[in-house]
Amino acid sequence: MATINELTQEQFKDLLDNYFAPPEKRTQMTDHELKDLAKRLKERINVPIISETGEEKILIKIIIKIDRFLYDNLPNEFYDLVRSMDKGIDDEEAKRLITSLSKLANKHIDLPYLPEMAEYMAIRLVIGVIVNAARKQWDLRRAKENMYKMKVPHQKYASQFQLESIIS
């Protein structure tokens, strides 16, 4: 990858276009990744009074909302790590990120159609999958498979230790 000084005009323009993308473009997950993660999330979270199909649609919208939050709060280059096995963050950085992103997300994302406990769990699960996927020797597939084993705190004011335990 070129350094800032080595970027072409077109590469620099692409960098700015990504940074200033309109809301509908402020996501990094593909349609396939969204659908797959929603199916897995459905096994851990129940949306009350909604049919199975409606539940999946709601979960996709929740994941998009969290993905947009991550787009706004992480460099887009972070997602390059999510799709790479040979590059990535170490476990300590993953713990730091899961803690700070979870707390920040809880302040900025409101899902009024979910009970509070399910809201915290959804936010932390999706962030946990993304952060796990960015670790060295991990990718999105492995992180999604690991999602079933993740210990996700349900309470609003989870401790740093509880949040760090999402990283397994």
C-alpha atoms as a PDB file:
ATOM      1  CA  MET A   1       0.000   0.000   0.000  1.00  0.00           C
ATOM      2  CA  ALA A   2       1.268   3.435  -0.914  1.00  0.00           C
ATOM      3  CA  THR A   3       2.002   6.044   1.734  1.00  0.00           C
ATOM      4  CA  ILE A   4      -0.024   9.271   1.741  1.00  0.00           C
ATOM      5  CA  ASN A   5       2.668  11.021  -0.297  1.00  0.00           C
ATOM      6  CA  GLU A   6       2.614   8.219  -2.882  1.00  0.00           C
ATOM      7  CA  LEU A   7      -1.163   8.178  -3.401  1.00  0.00           C
ATOM      8  CA  THR A   8      -2.334   9.079  -6.880  1.00  0.00           C
ATOM      9  CA  GLN A   9      -5.003  11.772  -7.314  1.00  0.00           C
ATOM     10  CA  GLU A  10      -7.538   9.007  -7.929  1.00  0.00           C
ATOM     11  CA  GLN A  11      -6.524   7.050  -4.805  1.00  0.00           C
ATOM     12  CA  PHE A  12      -6.726  10.203  -2.695  1.00  0.00           C
ATOM     13  CA  LYS A  13     -10.134  11.041  -4.176  1.00  0.00           C
ATOM     14  CA  ASP A  14     -11.337   7.487  -3.357  1.00  0.00           C
ATOM     15  CA  LEU A  15     -10.105   7.910   0.213  1.00  0.00           C
ATOM     16  CA  LEU A  16     -12.097  11.141   0.584  1.00  0.00           C
ATOM     17  CA  ASP A  17     -15.159   9.673  -1.149  1.00  0.00           C
ATOM     18  CA  ASN A  18     -15.155   6.791   1.340  1.00  0.00           C
ATOM     19  CA  TYR A  19     -14.758   9.131   4.278  1.00  0.00           C
ATOM     20  CA  PHE A  20     -17.554  11.462   3.145  1.00  0.00           C
ATOM     21  CA  ALA A  21     -19.846   8.709   1.834  1.00  0.00           C
ATOM     22  CA  PRO A  22     -23.602   9.347   2.055  1.00  0.00           C
ATOM     23  CA  PRO A  23     -25.519   7.414   4.748  1.00  0.00           C
ATOM     24  CA  GLU A  24     -26.674   4.610   2.419  1.00  0.00           C
ATOM     25  CA  LYS A  25     -23.034   3.882   1.496  1.00  0.00           C
ATOM     26  CA  ARG A  26     -21.695   3.976   5.061  1.00  0.00           C
ATOM     27  CA  THR A  27     -21.394   0.236   5.523  1.00  0.00           C
ATOM     28  CA  GLN A  28     -18.572  -2.219   5.064  1.00  0.00           C
ATOM     29  CA  MET A  29     -20.344  -5.581   5.296  1.00  0.00           C
ATOM     30  CA  THR A  30     -21.517  -7.284   2.123  1.00  0.00           C
ATOM     31  CA  ASP A  31     -25.131  -8.407   1.650  1.00  0.00           C
ATOM     32  CA  HIS A  32     -24.060 -12.032   2.121  1.00  0.00           C
ATOM     33  CA  GLU A  33     -22.212 -11.184   5.361  1.00  0.00           C
ATOM     34  CA  LEU A  34     -25.242  -9.267   6.668  1.00  0.00           C
ATOM     35  CA  LYS A  35     -27.656 -12.127   5.956  1.00  0.00           C
ATOM     36  CA  ASP A  36     -25.350 -14.766   7.410  1.00  0.00           C
ATOM     37  CA  LEU A  37     -24.698 -12.775  10.571  1.00  0.00           C
ATOM     38  CA  ALA A  38     -28.443 -12.083  10.982  1.00  0.00           C
ATOM     39  CA  LYS A  39     -29.212 -15.825  10.816  1.00  0.00           C
ATOM     40  CA  ARG A  40     -26.609 -16.515  13.481  1.00  0.00           C
ATOM     41  CA  LEU A  41     -27.731 -13.579  15.620  1.00  0.00           C
ATOM     42  CA  LYS A  42     -31.309 -14.878  15.492  1.00  0.00           C
ATOM     43  CA  GLU A  43     -30.164 -17.974  17.369  1.00  0.00           C
ATOM     44  CA  ARG A  44     -28.907 -15.814  20.265  1.00  0.00           C
ATOM     45  CA  ILE A  45     -31.511 -13.018  20.340  1.00  0.00           C
ATOM     46  CA  ASN A  46     -35.295 -13.167  20.312  1.00  0.00           C
ATOM     47  CA  VAL A  47     -37.286 -10.223  18.996  1.00  0.00           C
ATOM     48  CA  PRO A  48     -40.645 -10.455  20.801  1.00  0.00           C
ATOM     49  CA  ILE A  49     -44.013 -10.662  18.996  1.00  0.00           C
ATOM     50  CA  ILE A  50     -42.462 -10.887  15.521  1.00  0.00           C
ATOM     51  CA  SER A  51     -42.567 -13.733  12.985  1.00  0.00           C
ATOM     52  CA  GLU A  52     -39.326 -15.514  12.088  1.00  0.00           C
ATOM     53  CA  THR A  53     -39.088 -13.664   8.762  1.00  0.00           C
ATOM     54  CA  GLY A  54     -39.805 -10.331  10.400  1.00  0.00           C
ATOM     55  CA  GLU A  55     -37.234 -11.111  13.075  1.00  0.00           C
ATOM     56  CA  GLU A  56     -34.525 -11.696  10.438  1.00  0.00           C
ATOM     57  CA  LYS A  57     -35.394  -8.398   8.724  1.00  0.00           C
ATOM     58  CA  ILE A  58     -35.151  -6.541  12.029  1.00  0.00           C
ATOM     59  CA  LEU A  59     -31.814  -8.194  12.828  1.00  0.00           C
ATOM     60  CA  ILE A  60     -30.431  -7.199   9.414  1.00  0.00           C
ATOM     61  CA  LYS A  61     -31.439  -3.593  10.156  1.00  0.00           C
ATOM     62  CA  ILE A  62     -29.763  -3.819  13.574  1.00  0.00           C
ATOM     63  CA  ILE A  63     -26.548  -5.127  12.009  1.00  0.00           C
ATOM     64  CA  ILE A  64     -26.616  -2.346   9.398  1.00  0.00           C
ATOM     65  CA  LYS A  65     -27.059   0.227  12.166  1.00  0.00           C
ATOM     66  CA  ILE A  66     -24.063  -1.196  14.050  1.00  0.00           C
ATOM     67  CA  ASP A  67     -22.022  -1.481  10.839  1.00  0.00           C
ATOM     68  CA  ARG A  68     -22.694   2.220  10.129  1.00  0.00           C
ATOM     69  CA  PHE A  69     -21.634   3.056  13.674  1.00  0.00           C
ATOM     70  CA  LEU A  70     -18.369   1.155  13.103  1.00  0.00           C
ATOM     71  CA  TYR A  71     -17.918   2.877   9.729  1.00  0.00           C
ATOM     72  CA  ASP A  72     -18.156   6.231  11.511  1.00  0.00           C
ATOM     73  CA  ASN A  73     -15.885   5.281  14.418  1.00  0.00           C
ATOM     74  CA  LEU A  74     -13.171   3.122  12.861  1.00  0.00           C
ATOM     75  CA  PRO A  75     -10.960   3.692   9.866  1.00  0.00           C
ATOM     76  CA  ASN A  76     -12.289   1.844   6.817  1.00  0.00           C
ATOM     77  CA  GLU A  77      -8.895   0.193   6.592  1.00  0.00           C
ATOM     78  CA  PHE A  78      -9.826  -1.707   9.763  1.00  0.00           C
ATOM     79  CA  TYR A  79     -12.198  -3.799   7.648  1.00  0.00           C
ATOM     80  CA  ASP A  80      -9.240  -4.906   5.522  1.00  0.00           C
ATOM     81  CA  LEU A  81      -8.096  -6.742   8.654  1.00  0.00           C
ATOM     82  CA  VAL A  82     -11.508  -8.419   8.991  1.00  0.00           C
ATOM     83  CA  ARG A  83     -10.957 -10.150   5.671  1.00  0.00           C
ATOM     84  CA  SER A  84      -7.291 -11.061   6.189  1.00  0.00           C
ATOM     85  CA  MET A  85      -5.816 -14.045   8.023  1.00  0.00           C
ATOM     86  CA  ASP A  86      -2.174 -12.914   7.901  1.00  0.00           C
ATOM     87  CA  LYS A  87      -2.640  -9.347   9.195  1.00  0.00           C
ATOM     88  CA  GLY A  88      -4.527  -8.189  12.221  1.00  0.00           C
ATOM     89  CA  ILE A  89      -4.596  -6.757  15.707  1.00  0.00           C
ATOM     90  CA  ASP A  90      -3.277  -8.566  18.767  1.00  0.00           C
ATOM     91  CA  ASP A  91      -5.452  -9.813  21.618  1.00  0.00           C
ATOM     92  CA  GLU A  92      -4.740  -6.832  23.878  1.00  0.00           C
ATOM     93  CA  GLU A  93      -5.753  -4.367  21.158  1.00  0.00           C
ATOM     94  CA  ALA A  94      -8.887  -6.454  20.519  1.00  0.00           C
ATOM     95  CA  LYS A  95      -9.804  -6.269  24.219  1.00  0.00           C
ATOM     96  CA  ARG A  96      -9.250  -2.504  24.255  1.00  0.00           C
ATOM     97  CA  LEU A  97     -11.363  -2.039  21.128  1.00  0.00           C
ATOM     98  CA  ILE A  98     -14.241  -4.264  22.278  1.00  0.00           C
ATOM     99  CA  THR A  99     -14.406  -2.364  25.569  1.00  0.00           C
ATOM    100  CA  SER A 100     -14.288   1.141  24.117  1.00  0.00           C
ATOM    101  CA  LEU A 101     -16.514   0.414  21.090  1.00  0.00           C
ATOM    102  CA  SER A 102     -19.139  -1.365  23.215  1.00  0.00           C
ATOM    103  CA  LYS A 103     -19.382   1.523  25.643  1.00  0.00           C
ATOM    104  CA  LEU A 104     -19.499   4.114  22.860  1.00  0.00           C
ATOM    105  CA  ALA A 105     -22.065   2.109  20.877  1.00  0.00           C
ATOM    106  CA  ASN A 106     -24.318   1.734  23.921  1.00  0.00           C
ATOM    107  CA  LYS A 107     -24.415   5.537  24.178  1.00  0.00           C
ATOM    108  CA  HIS A 108     -25.091   6.184  20.476  1.00  0.00           C
ATOM    109  CA  ILE A 109     -27.245   3.293  19.293  1.00  0.00           C
ATOM    110  CA  ASP A 110     -30.809   2.952  20.506  1.00  0.00           C
ATOM    111  CA  LEU A 111     -32.990   0.033  19.457  1.00  0.00           C
ATOM    112  CA  PRO A 112     -36.329   0.861  21.093  1.00  0.00           C
ATOM    113  CA  TYR A 113     -38.094  -2.178  19.630  1.00  0.00           C
ATOM    114  CA  LEU A 114     -35.815  -4.538  21.575  1.00  0.00           C
ATOM    115  CA  PRO A 115     -35.775  -5.109  25.310  1.00  0.00           C
ATOM    116  CA  GLU A 116     -32.713  -3.398  26.835  1.00  0.00           C
ATOM    117  CA  MET A 117     -31.000  -6.714  27.570  1.00  0.00           C
ATOM    118  CA  ALA A 118     -31.359  -7.852  23.935  1.00  0.00           C
ATOM    119  CA  GLU A 119     -30.148  -4.448  22.682  1.00  0.00           C
ATOM    120  CA  TYR A 120     -26.904  -4.669  24.643  1.00  0.00           C
ATOM    121  CA  MET A 121     -26.409  -8.248  23.564  1.00  0.00           C
ATOM    122  CA  ALA A 122     -26.993  -7.469  19.861  1.00  0.00           C
ATOM    123  CA  ILE A 123     -24.611  -4.514  19.875  1.00  0.00           C
ATOM    124  CA  ARG A 124     -21.909  -6.419  21.723  1.00  0.00           C
ATOM    125  CA  LEU A 125     -22.273  -9.573  19.633  1.00  0.00           C
ATOM    126  CA  VAL A 126     -21.919  -7.757  16.315  1.00  0.00           C
ATOM    127  CA  ILE A 127     -19.015  -5.631  17.543  1.00  0.00           C
ATOM    128  CA  GLY A 128     -17.437  -8.758  19.048  1.00  0.00           C
ATOM    129  CA  VAL A 129     -17.653 -10.615  15.731  1.00  0.00           C
ATOM    130  CA  ILE A 130     -16.083  -7.709  13.822  1.00  0.00           C
ATOM    131  CA  VAL A 131     -13.286  -7.150  16.351  1.00  0.00           C
ATOM    132  CA  ASN A 132     -12.562 -10.887  16.602  1.00  0.00           C
ATOM    133  CA  ALA A 133     -12.405 -11.074  12.801  1.00  0.00           C
ATOM    134  CA  ALA A 134      -9.762  -8.318  12.779  1.00  0.00           C
ATOM    135  CA  ARG A 135      -7.421 -10.328  15.033  1.00  0.00           C
ATOM    136  CA  LYS A 136      -4.302 -12.027  13.710  1.00  0.00           C
ATOM    137  CA  GLN A 137      -5.068 -15.512  12.347  1.00  0.00           C
ATOM    138  CA  TRP A 138      -8.810 -14.763  12.363  1.00  0.00           C
ATOM    139  CA  ASP A 139     -11.281 -13.803   9.625  1.00  0.00           C
ATOM    140  CA  LEU A 140     -15.010 -13.123   9.464  1.00  0.00           C
ATOM    141  CA  ARG A 141     -15.908 -16.787   8.902  1.00  0.00           C
ATOM    142  CA  ARG A 142     -14.021 -17.918  12.007  1.00  0.00           C
ATOM    143  CA  ALA A 143     -15.389 -15.046  14.094  1.00  0.00           C
ATOM    144  CA  LYS A 144     -18.996 -15.853  13.102  1.00  0.00           C
ATOM    145  CA  GLU A 145     -18.483 -19.520  13.986  1.00  0.00           C
ATOM    146  CA  ASN A 146     -17.010 -18.478  17.339  1.00  0.00           C
ATOM    147  CA  MET A 147     -20.053 -16.260  18.032  1.00  0.00           C
ATOM    148  CA  TYR A 148     -21.913 -19.161  19.652  1.00  0.00           C
ATOM    149  CA  LYS A 149     -19.212 -19.439  22.346  1.00  0.00           C
ATOM    150  CA  MET A 150     -18.916 -15.723  23.074  1.00  0.00           C
ATOM    151  CA  LYS A 151     -19.779 -14.695  26.634  1.00  0.00           C
ATOM    152  CA  VAL A 152     -21.749 -11.488  26.123  1.00  0.00           C
ATOM    153  CA  PRO A 153     -22.818  -9.435  29.151  1.00  0.00           C
ATOM    154  CA  HIS A 154     -26.500  -8.409  29.095  1.00  0.00           C
ATOM    155  CA  GLN A 155     -26.429  -5.522  31.541  1.00  0.00           C
ATOM    156  CA  LYS A 156     -25.976  -1.908  30.536  1.00  0.00           C
ATOM    157  CA  TYR A 157     -22.975  -1.198  32.748  1.00  0.00           C
ATOM    158  CA  ALA A 158     -20.858  -4.265  32.125  1.00  0.00           C
ATOM    159  CA  SER A 159     -17.409  -4.235  33.661  1.00  0.00           C
ATOM    160  CA  GLN A 160     -14.264  -3.996  31.584  1.00  0.00           C
ATOM    161  CA  PHE A 161     -13.501  -7.625  32.473  1.00  0.00           C
ATOM    162  CA  GLN A 162     -16.950  -8.727  31.256  1.00  0.00           C
ATOM    163  CA  LEU A 163     -16.557  -6.810  27.993  1.00  0.00           C
ATOM    164  CA  GLU A 164     -13.045  -8.145  27.450  1.00  0.00           C
ATOM    165  CA  SER A 165     -14.345 -11.699  27.872  1.00  0.00           C
ATOM    166  CA  ILE A 166     -16.172 -11.290  24.529  1.00  0.00           C
ATOM    167  CA  ILE A 167     -12.721 -11.711  22.982  1.00  0.00           C
ATOM    168  CA  SER A 168     -12.041 -15.397  23.321  1.00  0.00           C
END
